Amino acid sequence: MPEPSVTTRLRLSGLCFLLQILTILLFAAFVRFSPESSPKLCSQPLNCSWRNQDSGFQHHRFRDVHLQALLGFGFLVAFLSRYGPGSVAISILVVAFAIQWAVLLQGFLHQFRNGKIHMGVQSMVRADFCAAATLISTGAVVGRVNPAQMLLLALLGVTLFTLNEHILLGLLGVSDSGGSVTVHTFGAYFGLMVSRILPQLHMDQREEQQDTGHQPDVFAVVGTICLWIFWPSFTSTTTAQGSAEPWAVLNTYFSLAASTMATFILSPILCEESTPRMAQIQDAAVAAVAVMGMAGEMLVTPFGALIAGFLAGLIPPLGFRFLTPVLCSRLKIQDTCGVHNVHGLPGMLGAFLGTLLAALATADAYGGRLELVFPLVARGSRTGTAQALHQLSALPLTLLLATLGGCLTGAVLRIKGLRSAPAPRYPDNTEVKLVDEEGCEHRVSRKGRGTSTLV
C-alpha cells in the first residue's frame, strides 16, 4: 500500500486528543465522587441500597466486570488471523474512551443532582456494560474501518446505547440485568447496520486464509476461559442485591455448560473436523450468556437454564453455516466476527425467554424475590401480563433504535475525510484478491514483514 500521508497518520492522534480534552473538561465541570459518608444526600432508594452493601464485595464484582470487558470481549475479535493483536489494541482504545463517555451520559440521566454527577462503583459497572455493547458492534466491522472511525463509532454507539437503556430500564421498567437486549441485541444489530452502510470489500473465499498458526487459537482460549470465569459476575452484578443474585450466577453456569455440549454435538455434523475449534467453543460460551442476560435473575430453574443454553449453543454453528452467506449475498451485510449469530440471535432468544418468565411470575413462585426482580408487579402497579408485554416491547424498540442509529453512524463513517483503508494482516508472501462493491478487483500482495503492495 502507498505510504499514508501525514494527515492520515495524525488523524487518530488528533481525534484522541480532542476527545480526551473534551472529556477532561466535562469531568472537571460536572463529575464528583458520590458522598457516601453523607446519607442525607441519598435521594433515591436504589442509590441507598448500593451504599448499604459491603463495599469490598462491590469492588470485587467491579473487577470481574472490568476484566470481562477487557479480556472476554477484547479477545472475541482476536481469533481472526487477518487482524491479530491489532484488534485487541483497538478494543482497548474503544473501552478506554467508551467508559469515560458512558459515565458522563449515564450520569446526566441518573446521577445528576445539584448540578453535579455523583458517581460511584455502580457508575463504572454500567459504563463497562456500555463499553461491552460497543465492542460487540465493532466485531461486525473489524478490519474494514480505521481506528479513527472506530472512535467515532464508539462515540455514537455509546450515546445511542445510553438512550436505549434509559428508555427500556428507566421509562418502561424492563428487567434486563444481564443485557440480553440492551447489550447483546443492540450491540449486534447496531454494528450490522453500520456494516451495511459502509463500502463493501469481499474477500475471495478460495484465497481467504483464516488461520496462520497457533496464535488465533491462543486468543480464543484466553477469551473463552475469561468468559467462563468472569461472565457470571457480569450477568449478576446489576441484579437486585440480596437473595436474587445466586439465581443469575447459577443459571449462567448451567447455560454455559449446556451450550458447550451443544457445540460438540452439532459442529462435527456441520463441519469436517471431528472436534470443534476453540473459536467455535468461544462462540457457544458467548451465546450461552447472551440468552441468560434477561432471564438469569428470574425463575428459570436449573433444567430451564440447561434447555436455554443448549438451544443457544445450536445457534452459532447453524447461523455460520446457513445465515451468514445469506446476509452477505442477499442483504450485503458483511459480518466479520459473526455478531449476528453469536450475540444478536441469542439475545433475541433471551428476550423471548424473559417475556415468558415475566408472564408466569407470581408471588407464590417468587416469594420475597418478586420485589427484587419485578418491583412494579410486587407493588401491584403492574400485572404479570403487563410486565411481560413491556419485556417483549424492549425487542422491537431496541431493533428500531439500533437500525436507525447504525444507518446514521455508517453514513458518518463514510465521510470522505475519515475514509482510509485499515492495514490488513496477511501471511508473508501471499496475494489476496479483494473485490469492492463496484465489482472492481484489487490484488494485495504481502512480501515480507510489514510491507504490502497493491497490484
Protein backbone atom coordinates (compact mmCIF):
# COMPACT_ATOMS: atom_id res chain seq x y z
CA MET A 1 0.00 0.00 0.00
CA PRO A 2 1.17 3.55 -0.50
CA GLU A 3 2.74 5.25 2.48
CA PRO A 4 -0.02 7.07 4.36
CA SER A 5 0.06 10.85 4.29
CA VAL A 6 0.88 12.97 7.32
CA THR A 7 -2.81 13.87 7.61
CA THR A 8 -3.83 10.22 7.64
CA ARG A 9 -1.20 9.27 10.20
CA LEU A 10 -2.09 12.12 12.55
CA ARG A 11 -5.86 11.76 12.22
CA LEU A 12 -6.14 9.26 15.04
CA SER A 13 -3.76 11.20 17.27
CA GLY A 14 -5.69 14.43 16.77
CA LEU A 15 -9.08 12.81 17.33
CA CYS A 16 -7.89 11.11 20.52
CA PHE A 17 -6.51 14.43 21.77
CA LEU A 18 -9.73 16.32 21.08
CA LEU A 19 -11.98 13.69 22.65
CA GLN A 20 -9.78 13.34 25.72
CA ILE A 21 -9.60 17.10 26.29
CA LEU A 22 -13.39 17.30 25.90
CA THR A 23 -13.99 14.55 28.47
CA ILE A 24 -11.48 16.07 30.91
CA LEU A 25 -13.26 19.42 30.75
CA LEU A 26 -16.67 17.81 31.23
CA PHE A 27 -15.40 15.71 34.14
CA ALA A 28 -13.88 18.80 35.75
CA ALA A 29 -17.13 20.71 35.43
CA PHE A 30 -19.65 18.03 36.43
CA VAL A 31 -18.28 14.76 37.85
CA ARG A 32 -17.72 14.21 41.55
CA PHE A 33 -17.42 11.10 43.69
CA SER A 34 -20.65 10.15 45.41
CA PRO A 35 -20.61 11.42 49.05
CA GLU A 36 -21.24 8.01 50.60
CA SER A 37 -20.48 9.27 54.08
CA SER A 38 -23.41 11.65 53.87
CA PRO A 39 -26.63 9.63 53.88
CA LYS A 40 -28.84 12.70 53.82
CA LEU A 41 -27.87 13.29 50.18
CA CYS A 42 -29.15 9.86 49.16
CA SER A 43 -32.38 10.80 47.42
CA GLN A 44 -33.02 7.59 45.52
CA PRO A 45 -33.69 4.18 47.15
CA LEU A 46 -31.59 2.45 44.52
CA ASN A 47 -28.55 4.53 45.40
CA CYS A 48 -29.14 3.96 49.13
CA SER A 49 -29.27 0.20 48.65
CA TRP A 50 -25.96 0.26 46.85
CA ARG A 51 -24.37 2.30 49.63
CA ASN A 52 -25.54 -0.09 52.32
CA GLN A 53 -23.86 -3.08 50.71
CA ASP A 54 -20.41 -4.34 51.57
CA SER A 55 -18.03 -2.13 49.61
CA GLY A 56 -15.38 -4.84 49.29
CA PHE A 57 -17.85 -7.14 47.57
CA GLN A 58 -18.85 -4.39 45.19
CA HIS A 59 -15.24 -3.72 44.19
CA HIS A 60 -14.73 -7.45 43.68
CA ARG A 61 -17.72 -7.50 41.33
CA PHE A 62 -16.50 -4.39 39.53
CA ARG A 63 -13.12 -6.04 38.99
CA ASP A 64 -14.76 -9.08 37.43
CA VAL A 65 -16.93 -6.98 35.14
CA HIS A 66 -13.98 -4.85 34.04
CA LEU A 67 -11.78 -7.86 33.35
CA GLN A 68 -14.63 -9.39 31.37
CA ALA A 69 -14.98 -6.24 29.26
CA LEU A 70 -11.25 -6.08 28.54
CA LEU A 71 -10.30 -9.74 28.24
CA GLY A 72 -13.52 -11.53 27.39
CA PHE A 73 -14.85 -9.07 24.83
CA GLY A 74 -11.41 -7.86 23.81
CA PHE A 75 -10.33 -11.32 22.66
CA LEU A 76 -13.59 -12.03 20.84
CA VAL A 77 -12.18 -10.44 17.68
CA ALA A 78 -8.57 -11.59 18.12
CA PHE A 79 -9.22 -15.11 16.80
CA LEU A 80 -9.28 -13.65 13.26
CA SER A 81 -5.77 -14.23 12.00
CA ARG A 82 -6.10 -11.47 9.40
CA TYR A 83 -6.08 -8.84 12.15
CA GLY A 84 -4.36 -10.49 15.10
CA PRO A 85 -3.18 -8.49 18.12
CA GLY A 86 -4.03 -5.20 16.41
CA SER A 87 -7.71 -5.86 17.03
CA VAL A 88 -7.03 -6.22 20.76
CA ALA A 89 -5.24 -2.86 20.79
CA ILE A 90 -8.22 -1.19 19.12
CA SER A 91 -10.57 -2.92 21.59
CA ILE A 92 -8.63 -1.39 24.48
CA LEU A 93 -8.83 2.03 22.79
CA VAL A 94 -12.60 1.66 22.42
CA VAL A 95 -13.01 0.61 26.05
CA ALA A 96 -10.83 3.48 27.28
CA PHE A 97 -12.98 6.09 25.57
CA ALA A 98 -16.37 4.39 25.92
CA ILE A 99 -16.11 4.16 29.72
CA GLN A 100 -15.43 7.88 30.06
CA TRP A 101 -18.19 8.90 27.67
CA ALA A 102 -20.68 6.48 29.24
CA VAL A 103 -20.02 7.79 32.77
CA LEU A 104 -20.87 11.28 31.54
CA LEU A 105 -24.01 10.42 29.57
CA GLN A 106 -25.44 7.96 32.10
CA GLY A 107 -24.54 10.35 34.89
CA PHE A 108 -26.56 13.17 33.36
CA LEU A 109 -29.56 10.83 33.16
CA HIS A 110 -29.34 9.01 36.50
CA GLN A 111 -26.89 10.61 38.96
CA PHE A 112 -27.26 14.33 38.22
CA ARG A 113 -28.13 16.20 41.42
CA ASN A 114 -27.48 19.79 42.44
CA GLY A 115 -25.67 20.48 39.18
CA LYS A 116 -23.17 17.63 39.57
CA ILE A 117 -22.85 13.97 38.56
CA HIS A 118 -22.29 11.87 41.69
CA MET A 119 -20.57 8.69 40.53
CA GLY A 120 -19.52 5.52 42.29
CA VAL A 121 -18.85 1.85 41.61
CA GLN A 122 -22.29 1.41 40.07
CA SER A 123 -21.49 4.12 37.52
CA MET A 124 -18.36 2.29 36.42
CA VAL A 125 -20.20 -1.03 36.17
CA ARG A 126 -22.88 0.49 33.94
CA ALA A 127 -20.13 2.13 31.87
CA ASP A 128 -18.49 -1.28 31.40
CA PHE A 129 -21.80 -2.65 30.12
CA CYS A 130 -21.91 0.19 27.63
CA ALA A 131 -18.33 -0.49 26.55
CA ALA A 132 -19.24 -4.17 26.08
CA ALA A 133 -22.10 -3.27 23.72
CA THR A 134 -19.74 -1.03 21.76
CA LEU A 135 -17.16 -3.81 21.44
CA ILE A 136 -19.87 -6.11 20.10
CA SER A 137 -20.66 -3.52 17.44
CA THR A 138 -17.01 -3.24 16.42
CA GLY A 139 -16.96 -7.00 15.80
CA ALA A 140 -19.20 -6.51 12.78
CA VAL A 141 -16.82 -4.04 11.11
CA VAL A 142 -13.36 -5.00 12.40
CA GLY A 143 -10.80 -4.94 9.59
CA ARG A 144 -12.95 -2.59 7.48
CA VAL A 145 -12.62 0.67 9.38
CA ASN A 146 -9.60 2.53 10.66
CA PRO A 147 -9.03 3.37 14.35
CA ALA A 148 -10.34 6.93 13.95
CA GLN A 149 -13.59 5.57 12.57
CA MET A 150 -13.73 3.10 15.46
CA LEU A 151 -13.54 6.00 17.91
CA LEU A 152 -16.41 7.79 16.18
CA LEU A 153 -18.40 4.55 16.17
CA ALA A 154 -17.81 4.34 19.94
CA LEU A 155 -18.87 7.97 20.39
CA LEU A 156 -22.19 7.49 18.61
CA GLY A 157 -22.71 3.93 19.82
CA VAL A 158 -22.35 4.87 23.49
CA THR A 159 -24.78 7.75 23.02
CA LEU A 160 -27.42 5.55 21.42
CA PHE A 161 -26.87 2.71 23.90
CA THR A 162 -27.43 5.12 26.79
CA LEU A 163 -30.62 6.42 25.20
CA ASN A 164 -31.93 2.90 24.56
CA GLU A 165 -31.08 1.74 28.08
CA HIS A 166 -32.79 4.75 29.62
CA ILE A 167 -35.97 4.15 27.62
CA LEU A 168 -36.14 0.44 28.44
CA LEU A 169 -34.94 0.27 32.03
CA GLY A 170 -35.82 3.74 33.25
CA LEU A 171 -39.07 4.59 31.49
CA LEU A 172 -40.62 1.20 30.67
CA GLY A 173 -39.43 -0.70 33.73
CA VAL A 174 -37.99 -3.60 31.73
CA SER A 175 -35.90 -6.12 33.67
CA ASP A 176 -32.70 -6.88 31.72
CA SER A 177 -29.94 -7.08 34.30
CA GLY A 178 -27.50 -9.06 32.13
CA GLY A 179 -28.16 -7.20 28.89
CA SER A 180 -29.75 -9.73 26.52
CA VAL A 181 -31.46 -6.83 24.76
CA THR A 182 -29.63 -3.70 25.89
CA VAL A 183 -26.11 -5.10 25.39
CA HIS A 184 -26.13 -8.09 23.03
CA THR A 185 -29.06 -7.36 20.73
CA PHE A 186 -28.43 -3.63 20.48
CA GLY A 187 -24.67 -4.04 20.02
CA ALA A 188 -25.07 -6.71 17.34
CA TYR A 189 -27.66 -5.02 15.14
CA PHE A 190 -26.19 -1.55 15.56
CA GLY A 191 -22.89 -2.93 14.26
CA LEU A 192 -24.60 -4.85 11.45
CA MET A 193 -26.36 -1.72 10.18
CA VAL A 194 -23.09 0.20 10.27
CA SER A 195 -21.55 -2.64 8.26
CA ARG A 196 -24.40 -2.47 5.75
CA ILE A 197 -23.86 1.24 5.09
CA LEU A 198 -20.06 1.05 4.84
CA PRO A 199 -18.44 0.30 1.47
CA GLN A 200 -18.24 -3.44 0.96
CA LEU A 201 -14.99 -5.33 0.44
CA HIS A 202 -15.45 -9.04 -0.26
CA MET A 203 -12.54 -11.43 0.01
CA ASP A 204 -12.39 -14.29 -2.43
CA GLN A 205 -13.19 -17.36 -0.33
CA ARG A 206 -10.82 -19.52 -2.33
CA GLU A 207 -7.88 -17.35 -1.33
CA GLU A 208 -9.04 -16.26 2.12
CA GLN A 209 -6.77 -17.50 4.87
CA GLN A 210 -8.27 -17.57 8.35
CA ASP A 211 -5.57 -19.39 10.27
CA THR A 212 -1.85 -18.60 10.09
CA GLY A 213 -0.62 -20.52 13.13
CA HIS A 214 -1.44 -21.19 16.74
CA GLN A 215 -1.83 -17.53 17.73
CA PRO A 216 -5.56 -17.19 16.89
CA ASP A 217 -6.40 -20.31 18.92
CA VAL A 218 -4.39 -18.94 21.85
CA PHE A 219 -6.52 -15.79 21.83
CA ALA A 220 -9.70 -17.86 21.62
CA VAL A 221 -8.56 -20.00 24.57
CA VAL A 222 -7.89 -16.91 26.71
CA GLY A 223 -11.20 -15.33 25.71
CA THR A 224 -13.19 -18.49 26.43
CA ILE A 225 -11.62 -19.02 29.85
CA CYS A 226 -12.33 -15.40 30.74
CA LEU A 227 -15.95 -15.86 29.72
CA TRP A 228 -16.34 -18.88 31.99
CA ILE A 229 -14.64 -17.21 34.95
CA PHE A 230 -15.94 -13.65 34.84
CA TRP A 231 -19.24 -13.64 32.96
CA PRO A 232 -21.40 -14.94 35.82
CA SER A 233 -20.36 -11.79 37.70
CA PHE A 234 -21.02 -9.73 34.58
CA THR A 235 -24.56 -11.14 34.36
CA SER A 236 -25.35 -10.79 38.05
CA THR A 237 -23.62 -7.56 39.02
CA THR A 238 -26.63 -5.35 38.26
CA THR A 239 -29.27 -7.73 39.58
CA ALA A 240 -31.25 -6.68 42.61
CA GLN A 241 -28.96 -7.34 45.53
CA GLY A 242 -29.91 -9.97 48.04
CA SER A 243 -31.29 -13.44 47.53
CA ALA A 244 -31.86 -12.99 43.79
CA GLU A 245 -28.19 -12.86 42.85
CA PRO A 246 -27.34 -16.59 43.14
CA TRP A 247 -30.01 -17.35 40.54
CA ALA A 248 -28.21 -15.23 37.94
CA VAL A 249 -24.83 -16.79 38.72
CA LEU A 250 -26.05 -20.39 38.72
CA ASN A 251 -28.30 -20.03 35.69
CA THR A 252 -25.39 -18.58 33.73
CA TYR A 253 -23.12 -21.51 34.62
CA PHE A 254 -25.77 -24.06 33.67
CA SER A 255 -26.31 -22.26 30.37
CA LEU A 256 -22.57 -22.21 29.63
CA ALA A 257 -22.27 -25.94 30.24
CA ALA A 258 -25.23 -26.92 28.06
CA SER A 259 -24.21 -24.57 25.25
CA THR A 260 -20.72 -26.07 25.12
CA MET A 261 -22.19 -29.56 24.90
CA ALA A 262 -24.47 -28.44 22.06
CA THR A 263 -21.47 -27.20 20.09
CA PHE A 264 -19.68 -30.53 20.44
CA ILE A 265 -22.86 -32.27 19.25
CA LEU A 266 -23.58 -30.11 16.20
CA SER A 267 -20.19 -28.89 14.95
CA PRO A 268 -18.89 -32.33 13.82
CA ILE A 269 -22.11 -32.77 11.85
CA LEU A 270 -21.82 -29.44 10.04
CA CYS A 271 -18.03 -29.27 9.73
CA GLU A 272 -15.35 -31.68 8.60
CA GLU A 273 -13.42 -31.55 11.87
CA SER A 274 -14.27 -34.16 14.49
CA THR A 275 -13.56 -31.70 17.31
CA PRO A 276 -14.77 -28.07 17.30
CA ARG A 277 -12.15 -25.34 17.07
CA MET A 278 -11.64 -23.07 20.07
CA ALA A 279 -13.30 -20.20 18.24
CA GLN A 280 -16.48 -22.29 17.97
CA ILE A 281 -16.40 -23.09 21.69
CA GLN A 282 -15.91 -19.39 22.36
CA ASP A 283 -18.98 -18.59 20.25
CA ALA A 284 -21.01 -21.13 22.24
CA ALA A 285 -19.96 -19.51 25.52
CA VAL A 286 -20.99 -16.04 24.32
CA ALA A 287 -24.35 -17.31 23.04
CA ALA A 288 -25.00 -19.03 26.38
CA VAL A 289 -24.56 -15.88 28.42
CA ALA A 290 -26.42 -13.75 25.91
CA VAL A 291 -29.54 -15.88 26.31
CA MET A 292 -29.30 -15.65 30.13
CA GLY A 293 -28.87 -11.87 30.25
CA MET A 294 -32.54 -11.05 30.78
CA ALA A 295 -33.75 -14.30 32.31
CA GLY A 296 -30.80 -15.03 34.59
CA GLU A 297 -32.27 -13.46 37.73
CA MET A 298 -35.76 -14.87 37.02
CA LEU A 299 -37.18 -18.25 37.96
CA VAL A 300 -35.63 -20.19 35.10
CA THR A 301 -34.92 -23.28 37.24
CA PRO A 302 -31.77 -25.36 36.61
CA PHE A 303 -33.30 -27.53 33.91
CA GLY A 304 -34.71 -24.43 32.20
CA ALA A 305 -31.25 -22.86 32.13
CA LEU A 306 -29.85 -26.05 30.63
CA ILE A 307 -32.51 -26.06 27.91
CA ALA A 308 -31.96 -22.38 27.11
CA GLY A 309 -28.19 -22.84 26.99
CA PHE A 310 -28.49 -25.88 24.75
CA LEU A 311 -30.72 -24.01 22.28
CA ALA A 312 -28.36 -21.03 22.34
CA GLY A 313 -25.40 -23.30 21.63
CA LEU A 314 -27.06 -24.55 18.45
CA ILE A 315 -27.43 -21.03 17.04
CA PRO A 316 -23.79 -20.14 16.15
CA PRO A 317 -22.98 -23.31 14.14
CA LEU A 318 -26.28 -23.17 12.27
CA GLY A 319 -26.00 -19.43 11.78
CA PHE A 320 -22.49 -19.52 10.33
CA ARG A 321 -23.46 -22.39 8.04
CA PHE A 322 -26.79 -21.10 6.70
CA LEU A 323 -27.47 -17.45 7.72
CA THR A 324 -24.11 -15.72 7.24
CA PRO A 325 -23.96 -16.49 3.49
CA VAL A 326 -27.47 -15.07 3.11
CA LEU A 327 -26.54 -11.89 4.98
CA CYS A 328 -23.56 -11.39 2.71
CA SER A 329 -25.09 -12.31 -0.65
CA ARG A 330 -28.68 -11.12 -0.29
CA LEU A 331 -28.55 -8.29 2.25
CA LYS A 332 -24.99 -7.13 1.51
CA ILE A 333 -24.08 -7.21 5.20
CA GLN A 334 -20.51 -8.26 5.88
CA ASP A 335 -20.38 -9.60 9.45
CA THR A 336 -16.68 -10.01 10.18
CA CYS A 337 -16.95 -11.73 13.57
CA GLY A 338 -20.43 -13.20 13.23
CA VAL A 339 -22.08 -10.99 15.85
CA HIS A 340 -25.48 -11.81 14.34
CA ASN A 341 -25.08 -15.49 15.23
CA VAL A 342 -23.19 -15.07 18.49
CA HIS A 343 -24.86 -12.03 20.08
CA GLY A 344 -27.91 -10.96 18.07
CA LEU A 345 -29.96 -14.15 17.75
CA PRO A 346 -29.14 -15.50 21.25
CA GLY A 347 -30.02 -12.08 22.67
CA MET A 348 -33.39 -12.20 20.92
CA LEU A 349 -33.96 -15.71 22.28
CA GLY A 350 -33.17 -14.36 25.73
CA ALA A 351 -35.76 -11.61 25.26
CA PHE A 352 -38.46 -14.16 24.41
CA LEU A 353 -37.45 -16.30 27.39
CA GLY A 354 -37.59 -13.29 29.70
CA THR A 355 -41.03 -12.39 28.36
CA LEU A 356 -42.34 -15.88 29.08
CA LEU A 357 -40.94 -15.91 32.60
CA ALA A 358 -42.36 -12.46 33.35
CA ALA A 359 -45.82 -13.64 32.32
CA LEU A 360 -45.51 -16.61 34.70
CA ALA A 361 -44.18 -14.58 37.64
CA THR A 362 -46.33 -14.82 40.76
CA ALA A 363 -45.84 -14.00 44.42
CA ASP A 364 -46.29 -17.67 45.31
CA ALA A 365 -43.47 -18.74 42.98
CA TYR A 366 -41.01 -15.94 43.77
CA GLY A 367 -41.82 -15.17 47.39
CA GLY A 368 -39.75 -12.23 48.61
CA ARG A 369 -37.71 -12.26 45.42
CA LEU A 370 -40.59 -10.76 43.42
CA GLU A 371 -39.92 -7.34 44.94
CA LEU A 372 -36.30 -7.61 43.82
CA VAL A 373 -36.90 -8.88 40.28
CA PHE A 374 -40.23 -7.28 39.33
CA PRO A 375 -40.85 -4.46 41.83
CA LEU A 376 -43.79 -2.98 39.92
CA VAL A 377 -45.57 -6.34 39.89
CA ALA A 378 -44.90 -6.87 43.60
CA ARG A 379 -46.35 -3.46 44.45
CA GLY A 380 -49.46 -4.07 42.40
CA SER A 381 -48.67 -1.28 39.93
CA ARG A 382 -48.47 -3.74 37.06
CA THR A 383 -49.77 -7.23 36.37
CA GLY A 384 -47.56 -10.08 35.27
CA THR A 385 -49.07 -9.94 31.79
CA ALA A 386 -48.40 -6.22 31.53
CA GLN A 387 -44.80 -6.76 32.65
CA ALA A 388 -44.42 -9.47 30.01
CA LEU A 389 -45.67 -7.10 27.30
CA HIS A 390 -43.17 -4.47 28.44
CA GLN A 391 -40.40 -7.08 28.34
CA LEU A 392 -41.43 -8.04 24.80
CA SER A 393 -41.68 -4.42 23.63
CA ALA A 394 -38.00 -3.95 24.51
CA LEU A 395 -37.00 -6.04 21.49
CA PRO A 396 -38.66 -4.06 18.64
CA LEU A 397 -37.74 -0.74 20.27
CA THR A 398 -34.10 -1.82 20.51
CA LEU A 399 -34.04 -3.10 16.93
CA LEU A 400 -35.57 0.16 15.69
CA LEU A 401 -33.07 2.36 17.52
CA ALA A 402 -30.15 0.10 16.54
CA THR A 403 -31.21 0.17 12.88
CA LEU A 404 -31.70 3.93 12.66
CA GLY A 405 -28.61 4.65 14.74
CA GLY A 406 -26.50 2.21 12.75
CA CYS A 407 -27.53 3.77 9.47
CA LEU A 408 -26.69 7.24 10.78
CA THR A 409 -23.33 6.09 12.15
CA GLY A 410 -22.47 4.29 8.92
CA ALA A 411 -23.23 7.46 6.96
CA VAL A 412 -20.94 9.46 9.25
CA LEU A 413 -18.12 6.93 8.87
CA ARG A 414 -18.43 7.17 5.08
CA ILE A 415 -17.43 10.85 5.11
CA LYS A 416 -14.55 11.22 2.68
CA GLY A 417 -12.14 12.79 5.15
CA LEU A 418 -12.45 9.81 7.50
CA ARG A 419 -12.06 7.03 4.98
CA SER A 420 -8.75 5.26 4.71
CA ALA A 421 -8.25 1.53 4.39
CA PRO A 422 -7.17 -0.24 7.58
CA ALA A 423 -3.87 -2.03 7.35
CA PRO A 424 -4.72 -5.69 6.68
CA ARG A 425 -2.74 -8.50 8.21
CA TYR A 426 -1.94 -11.32 5.80
CA PRO A 427 0.70 -14.01 5.88
CA ASP A 428 4.01 -13.21 4.27
CA ASN A 429 4.43 -13.84 0.53
CA THR A 430 0.72 -14.16 -0.18
CA GLU A 431 -1.52 -12.48 -2.70
CA VAL A 432 -5.17 -11.92 -1.87
CA LYS A 433 -7.88 -10.75 -4.26
CA LEU A 434 -10.31 -8.15 -2.94
CA VAL A 435 -13.45 -7.16 -4.77
CA ASP A 436 -15.07 -3.84 -3.91
CA GLU A 437 -18.80 -3.07 -4.10
CA GLU A 438 -18.47 -1.84 -7.71
CA GLY A 439 -17.07 -5.21 -8.73
CA CYS A 440 -13.51 -3.98 -9.29
CA GLU A 441 -10.77 -6.46 -8.40
CA HIS A 442 -7.68 -5.48 -6.39
CA ARG A 443 -4.83 -7.83 -5.65
CA VAL A 444 -2.90 -7.15 -2.47
CA SER A 445 0.44 -8.91 -2.20
CA ARG A 446 2.43 -9.05 1.03
CA LYS A 447 6.14 -9.62 0.66
CA GLY A 448 7.94 -9.89 3.92
CA ARG A 449 7.07 -8.44 7.32
CA GLY A 450 5.40 -5.05 7.31
CA THR A 451 5.15 -4.41 3.53
CA SER A 452 2.07 -4.55 1.32
CA THR A 453 1.66 -3.58 -2.29
CA LEU A 454 -1.45 -3.01 -4.36
CA VAL A 455 -1.06 -4.86 -7.65
